[in-house]
C-alpha atoms as a PDB file:
ATOM      1  CA  MET A   1     -15.363  -8.690  -4.635  1.00  0.00           C
ATOM      2  CA  ASN A   2     -18.028  -5.750  -5.142  1.00  0.00           C
ATOM      3  CA  ASP A   3     -17.576  -1.885  -7.125  1.00  0.00           C
ATOM      4  CA  GLN A   4     -17.587  -0.605  -3.690  1.00  0.00           C
ATOM      5  CA  SER A   5     -14.890  -3.284  -1.969  1.00  0.00           C
ATOM      6  CA  LYS A   6     -12.627  -2.509  -4.725  1.00  0.00           C
ATOM      7  CA  SER A   7     -12.883   1.421  -4.337  1.00  0.00           C
ATOM      8  CA  LEU A   8     -12.326   0.674  -0.972  1.00  0.00           C
ATOM      9  CA  LEU A   9      -9.377  -1.199  -1.556  1.00  0.00           C
ATOM     10  CA  LYS A  10      -7.809   1.183  -4.611  1.00  0.00           C
ATOM     11  CA  TYR A  11      -8.142   4.038  -2.013  1.00  0.00           C
ATOM     12  CA  GLY A  12      -6.867   1.809   0.931  1.00  0.00           C
ATOM     13  CA  LEU A  13      -3.675   4.104   1.804  1.00  0.00           C
ATOM     14  CA  LEU A  14      -5.594   7.078   1.257  1.00  0.00           C
ATOM     15  CA  TYR A  15      -8.154   6.457   3.794  1.00  0.00           C
ATOM     16  CA  LYS A  16      -5.104   5.259   6.377  1.00  0.00           C
ATOM     17  CA  VAL A  17      -2.901   8.509   5.493  1.00  0.00           C
ATOM     18  CA  LEU A  18      -6.071  11.014   6.079  1.00  0.00           C
ATOM     19  CA  THR A  19      -7.019   8.907   9.253  1.00  0.00           C
ATOM     20  CA  ALA A  20      -2.934   9.049  10.742  1.00  0.00           C
ATOM     21  CA  ILE A  21      -3.289  13.039  10.027  1.00  0.00           C
ATOM     22  CA  VAL A  22      -5.935  13.311  11.899  1.00  0.00           C
ATOM     23  CA  LEU A  23      -5.536  10.796  14.605  1.00  0.00           C
ATOM     24  CA  GLY A  24      -1.795  12.478  14.980  1.00  0.00           C
ATOM     25  CA  ILE A  25      -3.375  15.603  15.834  1.00  0.00           C
ATOM     26  CA  VAL A  26      -5.856  14.138  18.277  1.00  0.00           C
ATOM     27  CA  CYS A  27      -3.605  12.117  19.737  1.00  0.00           C
ATOM     28  CA  SER A  28      -1.334  15.115  20.366  1.00  0.00           C
ATOM     29  CA  LEU A  29      -3.945  16.766  22.675  1.00  0.00           C
ATOM     30  CA  VAL A  30      -3.512  13.842  25.209  1.00  0.00           C
ATOM     31  CA  PHE A  31      -0.287  11.693  24.634  1.00  0.00           C
ATOM     32  CA  PRO A  32       2.130  12.435  27.684  1.00  0.00           C
ATOM     33  CA  VAL A  33       5.861  13.663  25.807  1.00  0.00           C
ATOM     34  CA  TRP A  34       7.178  10.472  26.751  1.00  0.00           C
ATOM     35  CA  ALA A  35       4.767   8.417  24.604  1.00  0.00           C
ATOM     36  CA  VAL A  36       5.271  10.874  21.751  1.00  0.00           C
ATOM     37  CA  ARG A  37       8.727  10.150  21.992  1.00  0.00           C
ATOM     38  CA  ILE A  38       8.045   6.793  21.286  1.00  0.00           C
ATOM     39  CA  PHE A  39       7.038   7.620  17.718  1.00  0.00           C
ATOM     40  CA  VAL A  40       9.463  10.496  17.467  1.00  0.00           C
ATOM     41  CA  THR A  41      11.801   7.612  17.917  1.00  0.00           C
ATOM     42  CA  PHE A  42      10.107   5.666  15.268  1.00  0.00           C
ATOM     43  CA  ASN A  43       9.937   8.374  12.731  1.00  0.00           C
ATOM     44  CA  SER A  44      13.980   8.954  13.255  1.00  0.00           C
ATOM     45  CA  PHE A  45      14.871   5.536  12.284  1.00  0.00           C
ATOM     46  CA  PHE A  46      12.244   5.382   9.116  1.00  0.00           C
ATOM     47  CA  SER A  47      13.339   8.783   7.791  1.00  0.00           C
ATOM     48  CA  ASN A  48      16.643   7.602   8.199  1.00  0.00           C
ATOM     49  CA  PHE A  49      15.666   4.319   6.126  1.00  0.00           C
ATOM     50  CA  LEU A  50      14.248   6.311   3.348  1.00  0.00           C
ATOM     51  CA  GLY A  51      17.088   8.415   3.151  1.00  0.00           C
ATOM     52  CA  MET A  52      19.388   5.241   2.744  1.00  0.00           C
ATOM     53  CA  PHE A  53      16.984   3.482   0.546  1.00  0.00           C
ATOM     54  CA  ILE A  54      16.116   6.461  -1.613  1.00  0.00           C
ATOM     55  CA  PRO A  55      19.363   6.165  -3.737  1.00  0.00           C
ATOM     56  CA  LEU A  56      19.028   1.971  -4.150  1.00  0.00           C
ATOM     57  CA  LEU A  57      15.145   2.761  -5.328  1.00  0.00           C
ATOM     58  CA  ILE A  58      16.664   5.332  -7.783  1.00  0.00           C
ATOM     59  CA  ILE A  59      19.187   2.281  -9.151  1.00  0.00           C
ATOM     60  CA  GLY A  60      16.659  -0.231  -9.091  1.00  0.00           C
ATOM     61  CA  PHE A  61      13.942   1.478 -10.770  1.00  0.00           C
ATOM     62  CA  ILE A  62      15.536   3.524 -13.491  1.00  0.00           C
ATOM     63  CA  ALA A  63      18.439   0.999 -14.501  1.00  0.00           C
ATOM     64  CA  PRO A  64      16.231  -1.790 -15.576  1.00  0.00           C
ATOM     65  CA  ALA A  65      13.556   0.140 -17.019  1.00  0.00           C
ATOM     66  CA  ILE A  66      16.060   1.947 -19.066  1.00  0.00           C
ATOM     67  CA  ALA A  67      17.409  -1.700 -20.125  1.00  0.00           C
ATOM     68  CA  ARG A  68      14.395  -2.780 -20.932  1.00  0.00           C
ATOM     69  CA  LEU A  69      13.070  -0.078 -23.016  1.00  0.00           C
ATOM     70  CA  GLY A  70      16.258  -0.526 -24.941  1.00  0.00           C
ATOM     71  CA  ARG A  71      18.475   1.937 -27.285  1.00  0.00           C
ATOM     72  CA  GLY A  72      15.480   4.790 -27.524  1.00  0.00           C
ATOM     73  CA  ALA A  73      16.022   4.895 -23.349  1.00  0.00           C
ATOM     74  CA  ALA A  74      18.552   7.652 -23.554  1.00  0.00           C
ATOM     75  CA  ARG A  75      16.295   9.618 -25.993  1.00  0.00           C
ATOM     76  CA  LEU A  76      13.381   9.450 -23.640  1.00  0.00           C
ATOM     77  CA  VAL A  77      15.702  10.401 -20.437  1.00  0.00           C
ATOM     78  CA  ALA A  78      16.893  13.603 -22.137  1.00  0.00           C
ATOM     79  CA  TRP A  79      13.351  14.651 -22.961  1.00  0.00           C
ATOM     80  CA  THR A  80      12.364  14.020 -19.492  1.00  0.00           C
ATOM     81  CA  VAL A  81      14.818  16.063 -17.727  1.00  0.00           C
ATOM     82  CA  GLY A  82      14.748  18.944 -20.292  1.00  0.00           C
ATOM     83  CA  LEU A  83      11.256  18.812 -19.635  1.00  0.00           C
ATOM     84  CA  ALA A  84      11.613  18.545 -16.178  1.00  0.00           C
ATOM     85  CA  TYR A  85      13.887  21.801 -15.928  1.00  0.00           C
ATOM     86  CA  VAL A  86      11.778  23.969 -18.064  1.00  0.00           C
ATOM     87  CA  SER A  87       8.627  23.357 -16.407  1.00  0.00           C
ATOM     88  CA  THR A  88      10.867  23.853 -13.176  1.00  0.00           C
ATOM     89  CA  ALA A  89      11.941  26.764 -14.338  1.00  0.00           C
ATOM     90  CA  LEU A  90       8.859  28.068 -15.614  1.00  0.00           C
ATOM     91  CA  VAL A  91       6.654  27.311 -12.388  1.00  0.00           C
ATOM     92  CA  GLY A  92       9.580  29.426 -10.864  1.00  0.00           C
ATOM     93  CA  PHE A  93       9.022  33.150 -12.743  1.00  0.00           C
ATOM     94  CA  ILE A  94       5.300  32.430 -11.980  1.00  0.00           C
ATOM     95  CA  SER A  95       5.630  32.107  -8.509  1.00  0.00           C
ATOM     96  CA  TYR A  96       8.249  35.330  -8.291  1.00  0.00           C
ATOM     97  CA  PHE A  97       5.418  37.597 -10.272  1.00  0.00           C
ATOM     98  CA  THR A  98       2.856  36.398  -8.441  1.00  0.00           C
ATOM     99  CA  ALA A  99       4.513  36.859  -5.047  1.00  0.00           C
ATOM    100  CA  ARG A 100       5.688  40.625  -6.531  1.00  0.00           C
ATOM    101  CA  TRP A 101       1.735  40.861  -7.235  1.00  0.00           C
ATOM    102  CA  SER A 102       0.134  40.033  -4.628  1.00  0.00           C
ATOM    103  CA  PHE A 103       2.213  40.241  -1.040  1.00  0.00           C
ATOM    104  CA  PRO A 104       2.978  43.333  -0.768  1.00  0.00           C
ATOM    105  CA  SER A 105      -0.734  43.985   0.406  1.00  0.00           C
ATOM    106  CA  LEU A 106      -1.562  40.919   1.822  1.00  0.00           C
ATOM    107  CA  LEU A 107       1.536  40.934   4.016  1.00  0.00           C
ATOM    108  CA  GLN A 108       2.008  44.239   4.742  1.00  0.00           C
ATOM    109  CA  GLY A 109       2.754  45.059   8.737  1.00  0.00           C
ATOM    110  CA  GLN A 110       2.303  41.093   9.584  1.00  0.00           C
ATOM    111  CA  ILE A 111       5.887  39.945   9.208  1.00  0.00           C
ATOM    112  CA  GLY A 112       6.869  41.705  11.892  1.00  0.00           C
ATOM    113  CA  THR A 113       5.252  39.756  14.381  1.00  0.00           C
ATOM    114  CA  LEU A 114       7.588  37.017  13.979  1.00  0.00           C
ATOM    115  CA  GLU A 115      10.179  37.932  16.813  1.00  0.00           C
ATOM    116  CA  SER A 116       6.846  37.807  18.989  1.00  0.00           C
ATOM    117  CA  LEU A 117       6.403  33.571  17.903  1.00  0.00           C
ATOM    118  CA  THR A 118       7.568  31.037  20.476  1.00  0.00           C
ATOM    119  CA  LEU A 119       7.754  27.977  19.761  1.00  0.00           C
ATOM    120  CA  ALA A 120       7.599  25.001  22.781  1.00  0.00           C
ATOM    121  CA  LYS A 121      10.526  23.181  23.486  1.00  0.00           C
ATOM    122  CA  SER A 122      11.146  20.462  20.637  1.00  0.00           C
ATOM    123  CA  ILE A 123      10.839  16.861  21.443  1.00  0.00           C
ATOM    124  CA  ASP A 124      13.795  14.856  20.296  1.00  0.00           C
ATOM    125  CA  PRO A 125      13.724  10.827  19.795  1.00  0.00           C
ATOM    126  CA  TYR A 126      15.198   8.505  22.656  1.00  0.00           C
ATOM    127  CA  PHE A 127      17.990   7.755  20.411  1.00  0.00           C
ATOM    128  CA  VAL A 128      18.712   7.947  16.721  1.00  0.00           C
ATOM    129  CA  ILE A 129      20.327   5.146  14.547  1.00  0.00           C
ATOM    130  CA  SER A 130      22.266   6.307  11.730  1.00  0.00           C
ATOM    131  CA  MET A 131      22.072   5.099   7.966  1.00  0.00           C
ATOM    132  CA  PRO A 132      24.002   6.781   5.704  1.00  0.00           C
ATOM    133  CA  ALA A 133      23.200   6.101   2.125  1.00  0.00           C
ATOM    134  CA  PRO A 134      25.722   4.027   0.176  1.00  0.00           C
ATOM    135  CA  LEU A 135      25.710   6.953  -2.517  1.00  0.00           C
ATOM    136  CA  ASN A 136      23.704  10.533  -3.184  1.00  0.00           C
ATOM    137  CA  VAL A 137      20.854  10.962  -5.178  1.00  0.00           C
ATOM    138  CA  ASN A 138      23.029  12.692  -7.946  1.00  0.00           C
ATOM    139  CA  THR A 139      25.672   9.827  -7.865  1.00  0.00           C
ATOM    140  CA  ALA A 140      22.945   7.003  -8.028  1.00  0.00           C
ATOM    141  CA  LEU A 141      21.217   8.694 -11.237  1.00  0.00           C
ATOM    142  CA  VAL A 142      24.198   8.718 -13.074  1.00  0.00           C
ATOM    143  CA  VAL A 143      24.846   4.944 -12.287  1.00  0.00           C
ATOM    144  CA  ALA A 144      21.429   3.847 -12.621  1.00  0.00           C
ATOM    145  CA  PHE A 145      21.973   5.417 -16.339  1.00  0.00           C
ATOM    146  CA  ILE A 146      25.205   3.780 -17.167  1.00  0.00           C
ATOM    147  CA  LEU A 147      24.211   0.200 -15.927  1.00  0.00           C
ATOM    148  CA  GLY A 148      20.742   0.375 -17.626  1.00  0.00           C
ATOM    149  CA  LEU A 149      22.496   2.349 -20.748  1.00  0.00           C
ATOM    150  CA  GLY A 150      24.954  -0.440 -20.836  1.00  0.00           C
ATOM    151  CA  ALA A 151      22.751  -3.288 -20.457  1.00  0.00           C
ATOM    152  CA  THR A 152      21.168  -2.314 -23.615  1.00  0.00           C
ATOM    153  CA  VAL A 153      24.667  -1.583 -26.026  1.00  0.00           C
ATOM    154  CA  ILE A 154      25.929  -5.096 -24.596  1.00  0.00           C
ATOM    155  CA  LYS A 155      25.596  -8.734 -25.905  1.00  0.00           C
ATOM    156  CA  GLY A 156      24.120 -11.158 -23.346  1.00  0.00           C
ATOM    157  CA  ARG A 157      21.265 -11.218 -20.525  1.00  0.00           C
ATOM    158  CA  THR A 158      23.440 -10.875 -17.447  1.00  0.00           C
ATOM    159  CA  LEU A 159      23.605  -7.542 -16.297  1.00  0.00           C
ATOM    160  CA  ALA A 160      20.226  -6.834 -17.615  1.00  0.00           C
ATOM    161  CA  ASP A 161      18.834 -10.007 -15.779  1.00  0.00           C
ATOM    162  CA  CYS A 162      21.114  -9.043 -12.270  1.00  0.00           C
ATOM    163  CA  LEU A 163      19.323  -5.036 -12.852  1.00  0.00           C
ATOM    164  CA  SER A 164      15.459  -6.608 -12.880  1.00  0.00           C
ATOM    165  CA  ASP A 165      16.204  -8.978 -10.141  1.00  0.00           C
ATOM    166  CA  PHE A 166      17.287  -6.193  -7.838  1.00  0.00           C
ATOM    167  CA  GLY A 167      14.700  -4.003  -9.035  1.00  0.00           C
ATOM    168  CA  ASP A 168      12.155  -6.575  -7.647  1.00  0.00           C
ATOM    169  CA  ILE A 169      14.059  -6.304  -4.052  1.00  0.00           C
ATOM    170  CA  VAL A 170      13.350  -2.597  -4.321  1.00  0.00           C
ATOM    171  CA  SER A 171       9.381  -3.293  -5.082  1.00  0.00           C
ATOM    172  CA  LYS A 172       9.157  -5.821  -2.833  1.00  0.00           C
ATOM    173  CA  THR A 173      10.799  -3.352  -0.040  1.00  0.00           C
ATOM    174  CA  ILE A 174       7.868  -0.799  -0.941  1.00  0.00           C
ATOM    175  CA  GLU A 175       5.454  -3.413  -1.118  1.00  0.00           C
ATOM    176  CA  LYS A 176       6.379  -5.327   2.179  1.00  0.00           C
ATOM    177  CA  VAL A 177       7.813  -2.201   4.552  1.00  0.00           C
ATOM    178  CA  ILE A 178       7.590   1.378   3.158  1.00  0.00           C
ATOM    179  CA  VAL A 179       4.496   1.395   2.039  1.00  0.00           C
ATOM    180  CA  PRO A 180       2.714  -0.307   5.434  1.00  0.00           C
ATOM    181  CA  CYS A 181       4.432   1.813   7.585  1.00  0.00           C
ATOM    182  CA  LEU A 182       3.990   5.293   5.826  1.00  0.00           C
ATOM    183  CA  PRO A 183       0.591   5.844   7.916  1.00  0.00           C
ATOM    184  CA  LEU A 184       2.481   5.463  11.460  1.00  0.00           C
ATOM    185  CA  PHE A 185       5.009   7.636   9.731  1.00  0.00           C
ATOM    186  CA  ILE A 186       2.487  10.162   9.169  1.00  0.00           C
ATOM    187  CA  PHE A 187       1.187  10.111  12.430  1.00  0.00           C
ATOM    188  CA  GLY A 188       3.978  10.408  13.772  1.00  0.00           C
ATOM    189  CA  ILE A 189       4.830  13.900  11.697  1.00  0.00           C
ATOM    190  CA  PHE A 190       1.679  15.023  13.139  1.00  0.00           C
ATOM    191  CA  LEU A 191       2.065  14.153  16.876  1.00  0.00           C
ATOM    192  CA  LYS A 192       4.620  15.799  17.183  1.00  0.00           C
ATOM    193  CA  ILE A 193       3.583  18.783  15.518  1.00  0.00           C
ATOM    194  CA  GLY A 194       0.592  19.446  17.275  1.00  0.00           C
ATOM    195  CA  ALA A 195       2.793  18.332  21.086  1.00  0.00           C
ATOM    196  CA  GLU A 196       5.330  20.721  20.364  1.00  0.00           C
ATOM    197  CA  LYS A 197       1.879  22.891  19.480  1.00  0.00           C
ATOM    198  CA  GLN A 198       3.719  24.531  16.405  1.00  0.00           C
ATOM    199  CA  THR A 199       0.503  24.048  14.117  1.00  0.00           C
ATOM    200  CA  ALA A 200      -1.409  27.170  15.122  1.00  0.00           C
ATOM    201  CA  ALA A 201       1.173  29.452  15.992  1.00  0.00           C
ATOM    202  CA  VAL A 202       2.757  28.063  12.467  1.00  0.00           C
ATOM    203  CA  LEU A 203      -0.368  29.022  10.403  1.00  0.00           C
ATOM    204  CA  SER A 204      -1.392  31.705  11.704  1.00  0.00           C
ATOM    205  CA  MET A 205       1.610  33.555  11.048  1.00  0.00           C
ATOM    206  CA  PHE A 206       1.520  32.090   7.413  1.00  0.00           C
ATOM    207  CA  VAL A 207      -1.955  31.339   6.621  1.00  0.00           C
ATOM    208  CA  LYS A 208      -2.455  33.782   3.773  1.00  0.00           C
ATOM    209  CA  VAL A 209       1.162  32.857   2.294  1.00  0.00           C
ATOM    210  CA  VAL A 210      -0.068  29.415   2.912  1.00  0.00           C
ATOM    211  CA  VAL A 211      -3.622  29.799   0.839  1.00  0.00           C
ATOM    212  CA  VAL A 212      -1.647  31.766  -2.290  1.00  0.00           C
ATOM    213  CA  ILE A 213       0.638  27.829  -2.238  1.00  0.00           C
ATOM    214  CA  VAL A 214      -2.273  25.882  -2.178  1.00  0.00           C
ATOM    215  CA  ILE A 215      -4.249  27.884  -5.153  1.00  0.00           C
ATOM    216  CA  LEU A 216      -0.910  27.754  -7.141  1.00  0.00           C
ATOM    217  CA  HIS A 217      -0.393  24.087  -6.554  1.00  0.00           C
ATOM    218  CA  ILE A 218      -3.960  23.497  -7.391  1.00  0.00           C
ATOM    219  CA  ALA A 219      -3.804  25.615 -10.676  1.00  0.00           C
ATOM    220  CA  LEU A 220      -0.370  23.571 -11.537  1.00  0.00           C
ATOM    221  CA  VAL A 221      -1.663  20.023 -11.102  1.00  0.00           C
ATOM    222  CA  LEU A 222      -5.138  21.166 -13.235  1.00  0.00           C
ATOM    223  CA  SER A 223      -2.813  22.444 -15.533  1.00  0.00           C
ATOM    224  CA  GLN A 224      -0.545  19.277 -15.764  1.00  0.00           C
ATOM    225  CA  PHE A 225      -3.310  17.068 -16.146  1.00  0.00           C
ATOM    226  CA  VAL A 226      -5.111  18.911 -18.746  1.00  0.00           C
ATOM    227  CA  ILE A 227      -1.700  19.326 -21.221  1.00  0.00           C
ATOM    228  CA  ALA A 228      -1.812  14.995 -20.026  1.00  0.00           C
ATOM    229  CA  TRP A 229      -5.490  14.632 -21.468  1.00  0.00           C
ATOM    230  CA  ALA A 230      -4.863  16.970 -24.333  1.00  0.00           C
ATOM    231  CA  VAL A 231      -1.723  14.362 -25.414  1.00  0.00           C
ATOM    232  CA  SER A 232      -3.233  10.895 -23.960  1.00  0.00           C
ATOM    233  CA  GLY A 233      -7.169  11.724 -24.206  1.00  0.00           C
ATOM    234  CA  ARG A 234      -7.551  10.391 -20.484  1.00  0.00           C
ATOM    235  CA  ASN A 235     -10.052  11.993 -18.199  1.00  0.00           C
ATOM    236  CA  PRO A 236      -8.181  14.514 -16.322  1.00  0.00           C
ATOM    237  CA  PHE A 237     -10.400  14.132 -12.971  1.00  0.00           C
ATOM    238  CA  ARG A 238      -9.959  10.523 -13.059  1.00  0.00           C
ATOM    239  CA  ALA A 239      -6.833  10.440 -12.757  1.00  0.00           C
ATOM    240  CA  ILE A 240      -5.955  13.212 -11.151  1.00  0.00           C
ATOM    241  CA  ALA A 241      -8.559  10.987  -8.325  1.00  0.00           C
ATOM    242  CA  ARG A 242      -6.198   7.811  -8.816  1.00  0.00           C
ATOM    243  CA  MET A 243      -3.431   9.979  -7.552  1.00  0.00           C
ATOM    244  CA  LEU A 244      -5.032  11.304  -4.405  1.00  0.00           C
ATOM    245  CA  PRO A 245      -3.061   8.885  -2.004  1.00  0.00           C
ATOM    246  CA  ALA A 246       0.378  10.217  -3.621  1.00  0.00           C
ATOM    247  CA  TYR A 247      -0.943  13.465  -2.926  1.00  0.00           C
ATOM    248  CA  VAL A 248      -1.809  13.226   0.206  1.00  0.00           C
ATOM    249  CA  THR A 249       1.374  11.332   1.511  1.00  0.00           C
ATOM    250  CA  ALA A 250       3.423  13.879   0.332  1.00  0.00           C
ATOM    251  CA  LEU A 251       1.218  16.559   2.111  1.00  0.00           C
ATOM    252  CA  GLY A 252       2.079  14.379   5.249  1.00  0.00           C
ATOM    253  CA  THR A 253       4.989  13.844   5.126  1.00  0.00           C
ATOM    254  CA  SER A 254       6.950  16.609   2.998  1.00  0.00           C
ATOM    255  CA  SER A 255       9.189  13.859   1.204  1.00  0.00           C
ATOM    256  CA  SER A 256       9.484  13.103  -1.878  1.00  0.00           C
ATOM    257  CA  ALA A 257      11.335  10.285  -0.598  1.00  0.00           C
ATOM    258  CA  ALA A 258       8.468   8.709   1.370  1.00  0.00           C
ATOM    259  CA  THR A 259       6.317   9.363  -1.614  1.00  0.00           C
ATOM    260  CA  ILE A 260       7.818   7.957  -4.745  1.00  0.00           C
ATOM    261  CA  PRO A 261       6.706   4.204  -4.118  1.00  0.00           C
ATOM    262  CA  VAL A 262       2.878   6.172  -3.510  1.00  0.00           C
ATOM    263  CA  THR A 263       3.296   7.871  -6.586  1.00  0.00           C
ATOM    264  CA  LEU A 264       4.668   4.787  -8.385  1.00  0.00           C
ATOM    265  CA  ASP A 265       2.325   2.501  -7.196  1.00  0.00           C
ATOM    266  CA  CYS A 266      -0.696   5.147  -8.569  1.00  0.00           C
ATOM    267  CA  THR A 267       1.102   5.706 -11.704  1.00  0.00           C
ATOM    268  CA  LYS A 268       1.234   2.261 -12.745  1.00  0.00           C
ATOM    269  CA  LYS A 269      -2.888   2.102 -11.811  1.00  0.00           C
ATOM    270  CA  LEU A 270      -3.448   4.617 -14.324  1.00  0.00           C
ATOM    271  CA  GLY A 271      -2.268   2.398 -16.804  1.00  0.00           C
ATOM    272  CA  VAL A 272       1.227   3.682 -17.447  1.00  0.00           C
ATOM    273  CA  ARG A 273       3.627   0.925 -18.362  1.00  0.00           C
ATOM    274  CA  ASP A 274       5.722  -0.386 -16.113  1.00  0.00           C
ATOM    275  CA  GLU A 275       9.318   0.390 -17.767  1.00  0.00           C
ATOM    276  CA  LEU A 276       7.932   3.795 -18.083  1.00  0.00           C
ATOM    277  CA  ALA A 277       7.123   4.156 -14.395  1.00  0.00           C
ATOM    278  CA  GLY A 278       9.967   2.421 -13.256  1.00  0.00           C
ATOM    279  CA  LEU A 279      11.856   5.436 -14.951  1.00  0.00           C
ATOM    280  CA  THR A 280      10.247   8.694 -15.194  1.00  0.00           C
ATOM    281  CA  ILE A 281       8.728   8.554 -11.058  1.00  0.00           C
ATOM    282  CA  PRO A 282      12.173   8.505  -9.807  1.00  0.00           C
ATOM    283  CA  LEU A 283      14.015  10.299 -12.094  1.00  0.00           C
ATOM    284  CA  CYS A 284      11.438  13.223 -11.869  1.00  0.00           C
ATOM    285  CA  ALA A 285      11.464  13.169  -8.581  1.00  0.00           C
ATOM    286  CA  THR A 286      14.769  14.378  -8.460  1.00  0.00           C
ATOM    287  CA  VAL A 287      15.078  16.721 -11.199  1.00  0.00           C
ATOM    288  CA  HIS A 288      11.383  17.850 -11.542  1.00  0.00           C
ATOM    289  CA  MET A 289      10.932  20.326  -8.928  1.00  0.00           C
ATOM    290  CA  PRO A 290       8.163  22.754  -9.593  1.00  0.00           C
ATOM    291  CA  ASN A 291       6.425  22.946  -6.312  1.00  0.00           C
ATOM    292  CA  SER A 292       9.527  23.143  -4.357  1.00  0.00           C
ATOM    293  CA  ILE A 293      10.885  25.907  -6.222  1.00  0.00           C
ATOM    294  CA  MET A 294       7.468  27.488  -5.805  1.00  0.00           C
ATOM    295  CA  VAL A 295       7.342  27.046  -1.973  1.00  0.00           C
ATOM    296  CA  LEU A 296      10.689  28.250  -1.773  1.00  0.00           C
ATOM    297  CA  ILE A 297      10.025  31.444  -3.759  1.00  0.00           C
ATOM    298  CA  LEU A 298       7.204  32.446  -2.057  1.00  0.00           C
ATOM    299  CA  CYS A 299       8.219  31.668   1.514  1.00  0.00           C
ATOM    300  CA  CYS A 300      11.390  33.714   0.824  1.00  0.00           C
ATOM    301  CA  MET A 301       9.196  36.404  -1.043  1.00  0.00           C
ATOM    302  CA  SER A 302       6.842  36.193   1.946  1.00  0.00           C
ATOM    303  CA  ILE A 303       9.893  37.358   4.369  1.00  0.00           C
ATOM    304  CA  SER A 304      11.324  40.218   2.378  1.00  0.00           C
ATOM    305  CA  VAL A 305       8.237  42.307   1.916  1.00  0.00           C
END
């Protein structure tokens, strides 16, 4: 296999996601409502499946990772959670003061036009299949910690082997079901947005807010990779390029649940050990929320100007 083929294989998901976004927007201009509802129905099913599957993913990755890491896992978890909350709080303060400084001049006299914003009627799925999650995310985290730490202190390999097998099942589900369906899911998201004629209306109202959010997102990502480069010596720009499929998936789905499998795969391709990636990616997707707090604060501040 030549270098070009390897490159295409490595970034195959990225191309599929980008193609799905473009096709979703284009097809929304020509698809009849009944056709759009087919994809909306699939998205409803897939979204509910993801919501059900995420607690299992958390247990299936975090518990075996802790068991493989051994007795030092508790300290690693504590440091990870502590850094995650410090980072989230720091970004929250930066976002707040950025909005206080920039929004009064950027948005003066524009938010009042919100009352005139009208959107087309929502397009609903043909039917909905409810799939309640067996555990909520926080409970799944606690269960994963208990099982993983328990496997490190008891004698015998039965529990550790069971956790490892369960993790393999989760990995196969991601590889064979979730990742192949992601481009279709993203296509459906943009198809629905375009068919409901929300894209132009929303962007025309909040384009300045979106620009500020994008700038802060880019600054945050660059700063994180620069810090990682200072610690590990890895080329930050090469690492960012390898993580592009995860970024585009997050942008297209606005779902951390849908992005976890892609992020995990990209992280392993960076050379991170499987047990570390399996522990930190699902854990940080739950407790490390700098981007979420940034968007929440900036959007709230934009309507309070």
